Amino acid sequence: MALKLKRPESALLTTKEAASFLSLSEKTLVMDRHKAARKGATLQFPYIKFGTTVRYKRSDLEALIDASRVE
């Protein structure tokens, strides 16, 4: 079941909303953040952090999808 977003298209998404948008698990996004923080690796999924609050820009995720397209 798809998660219904209650925010405008350009809004910031929670980890749960971003995972649903990308059809991934929340754990995938959390592990990506932790891996980059620990090992200095490049983030696959860019995010914004306000204190302990993490958000994903929908437009960043859409750009990632477009850049990942294989033709």
PDB file of N, CA and C in Angstrom:
ATOM      1  N   MET A   1       0.840  -1.175   0.000  1.00  0.00           N
ATOM      2  CA  MET A   1       0.000   0.000   0.000  1.00  0.00           C
ATOM      3  C   MET A   1       0.886   1.239   0.000  1.00  0.00           C
ATOM      4  N   ALA A   2       0.661   2.135  -0.919  1.00  0.00           N
ATOM      5  CA  ALA A   2       1.461   3.356  -1.034  1.00  0.00           C
ATOM      6  C   ALA A   2       1.093   4.337   0.064  1.00  0.00           C
ATOM      7  N   LEU A   3       2.091   5.023   0.556  1.00  0.00           N
ATOM      8  CA  LEU A   3       1.898   6.030   1.574  1.00  0.00           C
ATOM      9  C   LEU A   3       1.412   7.307   0.915  1.00  0.00           C
ATOM     10  N   LYS A   4       0.315   7.875   1.407  1.00  0.00           N
ATOM     11  CA  LYS A   4      -0.207   9.112   0.848  1.00  0.00           C
ATOM     12  C   LYS A   4       0.510  10.282   1.505  1.00  0.00           C
ATOM     13  N   LEU A   5       1.078  11.150   0.677  1.00  0.00           N
ATOM     14  CA  LEU A   5       1.789  12.310   1.176  1.00  0.00           C
ATOM     15  C   LEU A   5       0.815  13.449   1.434  1.00  0.00           C
ATOM     16  N   LYS A   6       0.976  14.093   2.578  1.00  0.00           N
ATOM     17  CA  LYS A   6       0.095  15.190   2.948  1.00  0.00           C
ATOM     18  C   LYS A   6       0.759  16.543   2.705  1.00  0.00           C
ATOM     19  N   ARG A   7       1.844  16.540   1.950  1.00  0.00           N
ATOM     20  CA  ARG A   7       2.605  17.759   1.714  1.00  0.00           C
ATOM     21  C   ARG A   7       2.666  18.044   0.219  1.00  0.00           C
ATOM     22  N   PRO A   8       2.997  19.295  -0.121  1.00  0.00           N
ATOM     23  CA  PRO A   8       3.136  19.627  -1.555  1.00  0.00           C
ATOM     24  C   PRO A   8       4.245  18.815  -2.214  1.00  0.00           C
ATOM     25  N   GLU A   9       4.231  18.788  -3.513  1.00  0.00           N
ATOM     26  CA  GLU A   9       5.197  18.013  -4.290  1.00  0.00           C
ATOM     27  C   GLU A   9       6.650  18.363  -3.974  1.00  0.00           C
ATOM     28  N   SER A  10       6.923  19.607  -3.636  1.00  0.00           N
ATOM     29  CA  SER A  10       8.303  20.039  -3.410  1.00  0.00           C
ATOM     30  C   SER A  10       8.715  19.947  -1.942  1.00  0.00           C
ATOM     31  N   ALA A  11       7.886  19.337  -1.144  1.00  0.00           N
ATOM     32  CA  ALA A  11       8.127  19.303   0.297  1.00  0.00           C
ATOM     33  C   ALA A  11       9.286  18.389   0.689  1.00  0.00           C
ATOM     34  N   LEU A  12       9.701  18.560   1.919  1.00  0.00           N
ATOM     35  CA  LEU A  12      10.690  17.669   2.510  1.00  0.00           C
ATOM     36  C   LEU A  12       9.975  16.427   3.015  1.00  0.00           C
ATOM     37  N   LEU A  13      10.566  15.275   2.787  1.00  0.00           N
ATOM     38  CA  LEU A  13       9.966  14.005   3.164  1.00  0.00           C
ATOM     39  C   LEU A  13      10.689  13.409   4.359  1.00  0.00           C
ATOM     40  N   THR A  14       9.941  12.725   5.215  1.00  0.00           N
ATOM     41  CA  THR A  14      10.549  11.971   6.297  1.00  0.00           C
ATOM     42  C   THR A  14      11.236  10.743   5.697  1.00  0.00           C
ATOM     43  N   THR A  15      12.001  10.049   6.512  1.00  0.00           N
ATOM     44  CA  THR A  15      12.648   8.824   6.037  1.00  0.00           C
ATOM     45  C   THR A  15      11.601   7.819   5.574  1.00  0.00           C
ATOM     46  N   LYS A  16      10.524   7.709   6.318  1.00  0.00           N
ATOM     47  CA  LYS A  16       9.459   6.765   5.958  1.00  0.00           C
ATOM     48  C   LYS A  16       8.824   7.141   4.613  1.00  0.00           C
ATOM     49  N   GLU A  17       8.537   8.426   4.429  1.00  0.00           N
ATOM     50  CA  GLU A  17       7.940   8.888   3.176  1.00  0.00           C
ATOM     51  C   GLU A  17       8.902   8.725   1.997  1.00  0.00           C
ATOM     52  N   ALA A  18      10.181   9.048   2.219  1.00  0.00           N
ATOM     53  CA  ALA A  18      11.180   8.904   1.153  1.00  0.00           C
ATOM     54  C   ALA A  18      11.334   7.438   0.759  1.00  0.00           C
ATOM     55  N   ALA A  19      11.354   6.555   1.749  1.00  0.00           N
ATOM     56  CA  ALA A  19      11.465   5.127   1.468  1.00  0.00           C
ATOM     57  C   ALA A  19      10.268   4.647   0.646  1.00  0.00           C
ATOM     58  N   SER A  20       9.099   5.091   1.022  1.00  0.00           N
ATOM     59  CA  SER A  20       7.900   4.714   0.281  1.00  0.00           C
ATOM     60  C   SER A  20       7.948   5.262  -1.147  1.00  0.00           C
ATOM     61  N   PHE A  21       8.370   6.503  -1.296  1.00  0.00           N
ATOM     62  CA  PHE A  21       8.481   7.134  -2.610  1.00  0.00           C
ATOM     63  C   PHE A  21       9.435   6.368  -3.511  1.00  0.00           C
ATOM     64  N   LEU A  22      10.539   5.882  -2.941  1.00  0.00           N
ATOM     65  CA  LEU A  22      11.557   5.155  -3.706  1.00  0.00           C
ATOM     66  C   LEU A  22      11.303   3.644  -3.772  1.00  0.00           C
ATOM     67  N   SER A  23      10.268   3.180  -3.096  1.00  0.00           N
ATOM     68  CA  SER A  23       9.966   1.745  -2.995  1.00  0.00           C
ATOM     69  C   SER A  23      11.140   0.983  -2.376  1.00  0.00           C
ATOM     70  N   LEU A  24      11.705   1.565  -1.338  1.00  0.00           N
ATOM     71  CA  LEU A  24      12.802   0.958  -0.584  1.00  0.00           C
ATOM     72  C   LEU A  24      12.385   0.842   0.879  1.00  0.00           C
ATOM     73  N   SER A  25      13.188   0.126   1.640  1.00  0.00           N
ATOM     74  CA  SER A  25      12.923   0.062   3.076  1.00  0.00           C
ATOM     75  C   SER A  25      13.542   1.281   3.745  1.00  0.00           C
ATOM     76  N   GLU A  26      12.998   1.647   4.897  1.00  0.00           N
ATOM     77  CA  GLU A  26      13.572   2.736   5.683  1.00  0.00           C
ATOM     78  C   GLU A  26      15.010   2.403   6.059  1.00  0.00           C
ATOM     79  N   LYS A  27      15.264   1.129   6.337  1.00  0.00           N
ATOM     80  CA  LYS A  27      16.593   0.684   6.745  1.00  0.00           C
ATOM     81  C   LYS A  27      17.637   1.004   5.669  1.00  0.00           C
ATOM     82  N   THR A  28      17.264   0.898   4.405  1.00  0.00           N
ATOM     83  CA  THR A  28      18.195   1.205   3.316  1.00  0.00           C
ATOM     84  C   THR A  28      18.664   2.655   3.406  1.00  0.00           C
ATOM     85  N   LEU A  29      17.749   3.573   3.663  1.00  0.00           N
ATOM     86  CA  LEU A  29      18.106   4.982   3.766  1.00  0.00           C
ATOM     87  C   LEU A  29      18.930   5.253   5.025  1.00  0.00           C
ATOM     88  N   VAL A  30      18.555   4.629   6.127  1.00  0.00           N
ATOM     89  CA  VAL A  30      19.302   4.798   7.379  1.00  0.00           C
ATOM     90  C   VAL A  30      20.722   4.266   7.223  1.00  0.00           C
ATOM     91  N   MET A  31      20.866   3.094   6.641  1.00  0.00           N
ATOM     92  CA  MET A  31      22.190   2.496   6.453  1.00  0.00           C
ATOM     93  C   MET A  31      23.053   3.342   5.514  1.00  0.00           C
ATOM     94  N   ASP A  32      22.440   3.945   4.510  1.00  0.00           N
ATOM     95  CA  ASP A  32      23.179   4.813   3.591  1.00  0.00           C
ATOM     96  C   ASP A  32      23.756   6.009   4.361  1.00  0.00           C
ATOM     97  N   ARG A  33      22.967   6.614   5.230  1.00  0.00           N
ATOM     98  CA  ARG A  33      23.454   7.744   6.041  1.00  0.00           C
ATOM     99  C   ARG A  33      24.564   7.312   6.975  1.00  0.00           C
ATOM    100  N   HIS A  34      24.391   6.191   7.648  1.00  0.00           N
ATOM    101  CA  HIS A  34      25.388   5.722   8.608  1.00  0.00           C
ATOM    102  C   HIS A  34      26.687   5.309   7.918  1.00  0.00           C
ATOM    103  N   LYS A  35      26.575   4.656   6.787  1.00  0.00           N
ATOM    104  CA  LYS A  35      27.756   4.226   6.036  1.00  0.00           C
ATOM    105  C   LYS A  35      28.578   5.430   5.603  1.00  0.00           C
ATOM    106  N   ALA A  36      27.916   6.457   5.117  1.00  0.00           N
ATOM    107  CA  ALA A  36      28.616   7.663   4.673  1.00  0.00           C
ATOM    108  C   ALA A  36      29.267   8.379   5.854  1.00  0.00           C
ATOM    109  N   ALA A  37      28.602   8.413   6.987  1.00  0.00           N
ATOM    110  CA  ALA A  37      29.138   9.096   8.165  1.00  0.00           C
ATOM    111  C   ALA A  37      30.350   8.358   8.722  1.00  0.00           C
ATOM    112  N   ARG A  38      30.304   7.039   8.747  1.00  0.00           N
ATOM    113  CA  ARG A  38      31.389   6.242   9.323  1.00  0.00           C
ATOM    114  C   ARG A  38      32.599   6.158   8.412  1.00  0.00           C
ATOM    115  N   LYS A  39      32.365   5.897   7.160  1.00  0.00           N
ATOM    116  CA  LYS A  39      33.461   5.595   6.243  1.00  0.00           C
ATOM    117  C   LYS A  39      33.786   6.731   5.286  1.00  0.00           C
ATOM    118  N   GLY A  40      33.056   7.835   5.399  1.00  0.00           N
ATOM    119  CA  GLY A  40      33.296   8.939   4.478  1.00  0.00           C
ATOM    120  C   GLY A  40      32.896   8.615   3.051  1.00  0.00           C
ATOM    121  N   ALA A  41      32.054   7.609   2.903  1.00  0.00           N
ATOM    122  CA  ALA A  41      31.598   7.202   1.569  1.00  0.00           C
ATOM    123  C   ALA A  41      30.637   8.252   1.005  1.00  0.00           C
ATOM    124  N   THR A  42      30.453   8.213  -0.284  1.00  0.00           N
ATOM    125  CA  THR A  42      29.512   9.112  -0.936  1.00  0.00           C
ATOM    126  C   THR A  42      28.089   8.651  -0.651  1.00  0.00           C
ATOM    127  N   LEU A  43      27.231   9.602  -0.319  1.00  0.00           N
ATOM    128  CA  LEU A  43      25.826   9.286  -0.097  1.00  0.00           C
ATOM    129  C   LEU A  43      25.160   8.910  -1.413  1.00  0.00           C
ATOM    130  N   GLN A  44      24.364   7.882  -1.372  1.00  0.00           N
ATOM    131  CA  GLN A  44      23.574   7.551  -2.548  1.00  0.00           C
ATOM    132  C   GLN A  44      22.285   8.371  -2.538  1.00  0.00           C
ATOM    133  N   PHE A  45      21.783   8.652  -1.337  1.00  0.00           N
ATOM    134  CA  PHE A  45      20.526   9.374  -1.173  1.00  0.00           C
ATOM    135  C   PHE A  45      20.787  10.645  -0.359  1.00  0.00           C
ATOM    136  N   PRO A  46      20.904  11.815  -1.013  1.00  0.00           N
ATOM    137  CA  PRO A  46      21.188  13.047  -0.284  1.00  0.00           C
ATOM    138  C   PRO A  46      20.056  13.402   0.678  1.00  0.00           C
ATOM    139  N   TYR A  47      20.422  13.966   1.821  1.00  0.00           N
ATOM    140  CA  TYR A  47      19.419  14.334   2.816  1.00  0.00           C
ATOM    141  C   TYR A  47      19.790  15.644   3.483  1.00  0.00           C
ATOM    142  N   ILE A  48      18.833  16.178   4.238  1.00  0.00           N
ATOM    143  CA  ILE A  48      19.002  17.416   4.989  1.00  0.00           C
ATOM    144  C   ILE A  48      18.830  17.064   6.457  1.00  0.00           C
ATOM    145  N   LYS A  49      19.673  17.637   7.303  1.00  0.00           N
ATOM    146  CA  LYS A  49      19.589  17.336   8.731  1.00  0.00           C
ATOM    147  C   LYS A  49      19.457  18.629   9.514  1.00  0.00           C
ATOM    148  N   PHE A  50      18.429  18.712  10.352  1.00  0.00           N
ATOM    149  CA  PHE A  50      18.190  19.809  11.268  1.00  0.00           C
ATOM    150  C   PHE A  50      18.299  19.229  12.672  1.00  0.00           C
ATOM    151  N   GLY A  51      19.422  19.393  13.328  1.00  0.00           N
ATOM    152  CA  GLY A  51      19.620  18.762  14.636  1.00  0.00           C
ATOM    153  C   GLY A  51      19.611  17.260  14.457  1.00  0.00           C
ATOM    154  N   THR A  52      18.618  16.596  15.045  1.00  0.00           N
ATOM    155  CA  THR A  52      18.494  15.144  14.882  1.00  0.00           C
ATOM    156  C   THR A  52      17.426  14.759  13.857  1.00  0.00           C
ATOM    157  N   THR A  53      16.782  15.757  13.279  1.00  0.00           N
ATOM    158  CA  THR A  53      15.719  15.511  12.300  1.00  0.00           C
ATOM    159  C   THR A  53      16.302  15.369  10.901  1.00  0.00           C
ATOM    160  N   VAL A  54      15.937  14.295  10.221  1.00  0.00           N
ATOM    161  CA  VAL A  54      16.421  14.024   8.863  1.00  0.00           C
ATOM    162  C   VAL A  54      15.255  14.156   7.889  1.00  0.00           C
ATOM    163  N   ARG A  55      15.499  14.856   6.787  1.00  0.00           N
ATOM    164  CA  ARG A  55      14.493  15.004   5.732  1.00  0.00           C
ATOM    165  C   ARG A  55      15.160  14.819   4.374  1.00  0.00           C
ATOM    166  N   TYR A  56      14.372  14.410   3.407  1.00  0.00           N
ATOM    167  CA  TYR A  56      14.816  14.230   2.026  1.00  0.00           C
ATOM    168  C   TYR A  56      13.983  15.150   1.140  1.00  0.00           C
ATOM    169  N   LYS A  57      14.666  15.891   0.246  1.00  0.00           N
ATOM    170  CA  LYS A  57      13.937  16.727  -0.701  1.00  0.00           C
ATOM    171  C   LYS A  57      13.393  15.841  -1.809  1.00  0.00           C
ATOM    172  N   ARG A  58      12.125  15.959  -2.043  1.00  0.00           N
ATOM    173  CA  ARG A  58      11.503  15.155  -3.091  1.00  0.00           C
ATOM    174  C   ARG A  58      12.183  15.410  -4.443  1.00  0.00           C
ATOM    175  N   SER A  59      12.510  16.665  -4.723  1.00  0.00           N
ATOM    176  CA  SER A  59      13.154  16.987  -6.012  1.00  0.00           C
ATOM    177  C   SER A  59      14.524  16.319  -6.131  1.00  0.00           C
ATOM    178  N   ASP A  60      15.262  16.173  -5.007  1.00  0.00           N
ATOM    179  CA  ASP A  60      16.541  15.456  -5.041  1.00  0.00           C
ATOM    180  C   ASP A  60      16.332  13.984  -5.371  1.00  0.00           C
ATOM    181  N   LEU A  61      15.290  13.405  -4.793  1.00  0.00           N
ATOM    182  CA  LEU A  61      15.012  11.989  -5.049  1.00  0.00           C
ATOM    183  C   LEU A  61      14.570  11.775  -6.495  1.00  0.00           C
ATOM    184  N   GLU A  62      13.774  12.709  -7.013  1.00  0.00           N
ATOM    185  CA  GLU A  62      13.345  12.610  -8.412  1.00  0.00           C
ATOM    186  C   GLU A  62      14.548  12.734  -9.342  1.00  0.00           C
ATOM    187  N   ALA A  63      15.483  13.631  -9.015  1.00  0.00           N
ATOM    188  CA  ALA A  63      16.703  13.794  -9.824  1.00  0.00           C
ATOM    189  C   ALA A  63      17.542  12.521  -9.784  1.00  0.00           C
ATOM    190  N   LEU A  64      17.608  11.888  -8.630  1.00  0.00           N
ATOM    191  CA  LEU A  64      18.345  10.633  -8.488  1.00  0.00           C
ATOM    192  C   LEU A  64      17.721   9.545  -9.362  1.00  0.00           C
ATOM    193  N   ILE A  65      16.419   9.487  -9.368  1.00  0.00           N
ATOM    194  CA  ILE A  65      15.715   8.514 -10.209  1.00  0.00           C
ATOM    195  C   ILE A  65      16.033   8.768 -11.683  1.00  0.00           C
ATOM    196  N   ASP A  66      15.949  10.040 -12.094  1.00  0.00           N
ATOM    197  CA  ASP A  66      16.240  10.382 -13.490  1.00  0.00           C
ATOM    198  C   ASP A  66      17.677  10.049 -13.862  1.00  0.00           C
ATOM    199  N   ALA A  67      18.623  10.326 -12.954  1.00  0.00           N
ATOM    200  CA  ALA A  67      20.037  10.063 -13.230  1.00  0.00           C
ATOM    201  C   ALA A  67      20.344   8.567 -13.265  1.00  0.00           C
ATOM    202  N   SER A  68      19.514   7.754 -12.615  1.00  0.00           N
ATOM    203  CA  SER A  68      19.742   6.315 -12.539  1.00  0.00           C
ATOM    204  C   SER A  68      19.102   5.549 -13.698  1.00  0.00           C
ATOM    205  N   ARG A  69      18.416   6.266 -14.544  1.00  0.00           N
ATOM    206  CA  ARG A  69      17.711   5.616 -15.648  1.00  0.00           C
ATOM    207  C   ARG A  69      18.673   5.013 -16.648  1.00  0.00           C
ATOM    208  N   VAL A  70      18.406   3.771 -17.028  1.00  0.00           N
ATOM    209  CA  VAL A  70      19.218   3.081 -18.032  1.00  0.00           C
ATOM    210  C   VAL A  70      18.366   2.927 -19.290  1.00  0.00           C
ATOM    211  N   GLU A  71      18.916   3.362 -20.386  1.00  0.00           N
ATOM    212  CA  GLU A  71      18.150   3.266 -21.645  1.00  0.00           C
ATOM    213  C   GLU A  71      18.817   2.312 -22.591  1.00  0.00           C
TER     214      GLU A  71
END
